[in-house]
């Protein structure tokens, strides 16, 4: 019997490869908005975070989120995403 392959993704905060299910996806939609994608299936360009505030902080502080999404993420957008992630 073959084992099922576990999809791996890189956290843009700590830059570690982890199973996709352990990470939270942020997506830039076609309309140009940035949203949290709990299902991991929304269409658009995505970036992944570990579920801890250090990774979120690092990615925002070093502008990694903007680079990963190929979109200028304003400070207000980044703070609202951070609040949503930490409250969920």
Protein backbone atom coordinates (compact mmCIF):
# COMPACT_ATOMS: atom_id res chain seq x y z
CA UNK A 1 0.00 0.00 0.00
CA UNK A 2 1.28 3.47 -0.89
CA UNK A 3 1.45 6.23 1.68
CA UNK A 4 -0.44 9.41 0.94
CA UNK A 5 1.89 12.33 0.25
CA UNK A 6 1.56 15.18 2.75
CA UNK A 7 1.63 18.61 1.05
CA UNK A 8 4.33 20.84 2.55
CA UNK A 9 4.42 24.64 2.53
CA UNK A 10 6.92 27.20 3.81
CA UNK A 11 5.98 29.64 6.57
CA UNK A 12 6.98 33.14 5.44
CA UNK A 13 7.76 34.09 9.04
CA UNK A 14 10.21 31.41 10.20
CA UNK A 15 10.90 29.98 6.71
CA UNK A 16 10.37 26.38 7.87
CA UNK A 17 8.69 23.74 5.74
CA UNK A 18 5.64 22.33 7.53
CA UNK A 19 2.55 20.32 6.59
CA UNK A 20 -0.02 22.54 4.88
CA UNK A 21 -2.70 21.69 7.47
CA UNK A 22 -0.57 23.17 10.28
CA UNK A 23 -0.35 26.57 8.56
CA UNK A 24 -2.78 29.43 7.96
CA UNK A 25 -3.14 30.76 4.41
CA UNK A 26 -3.44 34.42 3.49
CA UNK A 27 -4.68 35.04 -0.06
CA UNK A 28 -4.63 38.04 -2.41
CA UNK A 29 -7.85 37.72 -4.36
CA UNK A 30 -8.39 38.63 -8.00
CA UNK A 31 -10.15 41.82 -6.83
CA UNK A 32 -6.97 42.86 -4.98
CA UNK A 33 -8.16 42.29 -1.42
CA UNK A 34 -6.25 40.33 1.19
CA UNK A 35 -8.14 37.71 3.20
CA UNK A 36 -7.52 34.83 5.54
CA UNK A 37 -8.30 31.57 3.76
CA UNK A 38 -9.24 28.97 6.38
CA UNK A 39 -10.06 26.34 3.72
CA UNK A 40 -6.81 26.83 1.78
CA UNK A 41 -8.76 26.58 -1.47
CA UNK A 42 -9.65 30.16 -2.45
CA UNK A 43 -8.35 31.26 -5.82
CA UNK A 44 -5.60 33.84 -5.81
CA UNK A 45 -1.98 34.16 -4.77
CA UNK A 46 -1.34 32.74 -1.31
CA UNK A 47 1.19 32.86 1.51
CA UNK A 48 1.40 30.68 4.60
CA UNK A 49 2.01 31.43 8.31
CA UNK A 50 2.61 29.30 11.37
CA UNK A 51 -0.08 29.83 13.95
CA UNK A 52 2.11 31.92 16.26
CA UNK A 53 2.52 35.65 16.61
CA UNK A 54 6.34 35.65 16.14
CA UNK A 55 6.01 34.44 12.55
CA UNK A 56 3.26 36.95 11.82
CA UNK A 57 5.37 39.78 13.32
CA UNK A 58 8.50 38.79 11.37
CA UNK A 59 6.70 38.58 8.05
CA UNK A 60 5.06 41.98 8.50
CA UNK A 61 8.16 43.71 9.87
CA UNK A 62 10.44 42.44 7.10
CA UNK A 63 7.79 43.04 4.38
CA UNK A 64 7.75 39.32 3.47
CA UNK A 65 3.97 39.30 3.15
CA UNK A 66 4.08 41.92 0.38
CA UNK A 67 6.78 40.00 -1.47
CA UNK A 68 5.00 36.66 -1.12
CA UNK A 69 1.68 38.05 -2.36
CA UNK A 70 3.32 40.24 -5.03
CA UNK A 71 1.19 43.14 -3.77
CA UNK A 72 1.86 46.19 -1.58
CA UNK A 73 0.36 45.31 1.79
CA UNK A 74 -0.29 48.50 3.74
CA UNK A 75 0.37 48.67 7.46
CA UNK A 76 -3.39 48.87 8.14
CA UNK A 77 -4.01 45.69 6.11
CA UNK A 78 -1.20 43.89 7.89
CA UNK A 79 -2.46 44.92 11.33
CA UNK A 80 -6.04 43.86 10.58
CA UNK A 81 -4.83 40.46 9.35
CA UNK A 82 -2.64 40.07 12.43
CA UNK A 83 -5.60 40.86 14.72
CA UNK A 84 -7.84 38.40 12.86
CA UNK A 85 -5.22 35.65 13.06
CA UNK A 86 -4.52 36.16 16.75
CA UNK A 87 -8.23 36.30 17.63
CA UNK A 88 -9.16 33.15 15.73
